[in-house]
Amino acid sequence: MSAITLRIPDSMDKALREAAADAPSLNDYILRALRRQMAPDAAHELAALGTLDLEGEGDAR
């Protein structure tokens, strides 16, 4: 696991806390948001690699 430090501008504090009102904590809300974004980011990076030659990889059916 990696630790991160996130600085939230004062101008975003109120809106972020309101958005996280139903979450167990503000930290939980932020972590969930980061995890949701990580999958699309990783997919974009993988797509940028271009076509992969996967012949012979995975399940053979």
Protein backbone atom coordinates (compact mmCIF):
# COMPACT_ATOMS: atom_id res chain seq x y z
CA MET A 1 0.00 0.00 0.00
CA SER A 2 1.18 3.52 -0.73
CA ALA A 3 0.50 6.61 1.32
CA ILE A 4 -0.59 9.82 -0.34
CA THR A 5 -1.07 13.33 0.93
CA LEU A 6 -3.95 15.22 -0.58
CA ARG A 7 -4.29 18.94 -0.14
CA ILE A 8 -7.81 20.20 -0.67
CA PRO A 9 -8.17 23.87 -1.58
CA ASP A 10 -10.36 25.80 0.84
CA SER A 11 -12.70 26.62 -2.04
CA MET A 12 -13.48 22.90 -2.50
CA ASP A 13 -13.80 21.96 1.18
CA LYS A 14 -17.51 22.68 1.66
CA ALA A 15 -18.61 21.04 -1.60
CA LEU A 16 -16.46 17.98 -0.96
CA ARG A 17 -17.78 17.55 2.58
CA GLU A 18 -21.37 17.88 1.32
CA ALA A 19 -20.73 15.27 -1.38
CA ALA A 20 -19.26 12.93 1.24
CA ALA A 21 -22.14 13.42 3.71
CA ASP A 22 -23.42 9.84 3.27
CA ALA A 23 -19.97 8.24 3.38
CA PRO A 24 -18.57 6.77 6.60
CA SER A 25 -15.85 9.45 6.51
CA LEU A 26 -14.34 12.04 4.21
CA ASN A 27 -11.25 9.85 3.83
CA ASP A 28 -13.41 6.88 2.79
CA TYR A 29 -15.20 9.02 0.20
CA ILE A 30 -11.92 10.28 -1.27
CA LEU A 31 -10.38 6.79 -1.39
CA ARG A 32 -13.42 5.39 -3.18
CA ALA A 33 -13.28 8.22 -5.70
CA LEU A 34 -9.57 7.58 -6.33
CA ARG A 35 -10.14 3.84 -6.79
CA ARG A 36 -12.98 4.49 -9.26
CA GLN A 37 -10.69 6.74 -11.31
CA MET A 38 -7.69 4.39 -11.23
CA ALA A 39 -9.39 1.73 -13.38
CA PRO A 40 -10.20 4.07 -16.30
CA ASP A 41 -6.73 5.63 -16.05
CA ALA A 42 -5.09 2.21 -16.25
CA ALA A 43 -7.34 1.24 -19.17
CA HIS A 44 -6.32 4.38 -21.09
CA GLU A 45 -2.64 3.61 -20.50
CA LEU A 46 -3.12 0.03 -21.68
CA ALA A 47 -5.02 1.16 -24.77
CA ALA A 48 -2.20 3.56 -25.63
CA LEU A 49 0.17 0.60 -25.92
CA GLY A 50 -1.61 -0.44 -29.09
CA THR A 51 -2.44 -3.94 -30.23
CA LEU A 52 -0.93 -6.67 -28.12
CA ASP A 53 0.00 -10.04 -29.57
CA LEU A 54 -1.74 -12.43 -27.19
CA GLU A 55 -1.57 -15.51 -29.40
CA GLY A 56 -1.25 -18.55 -27.16
CA GLU A 57 -2.06 -16.62 -23.99
CA GLY A 58 -4.93 -17.39 -21.67
CA ASP A 59 -7.48 -20.16 -21.88
CA ALA A 60 -7.46 -22.36 -24.96
CA ARG A 61 -10.95 -23.26 -26.13
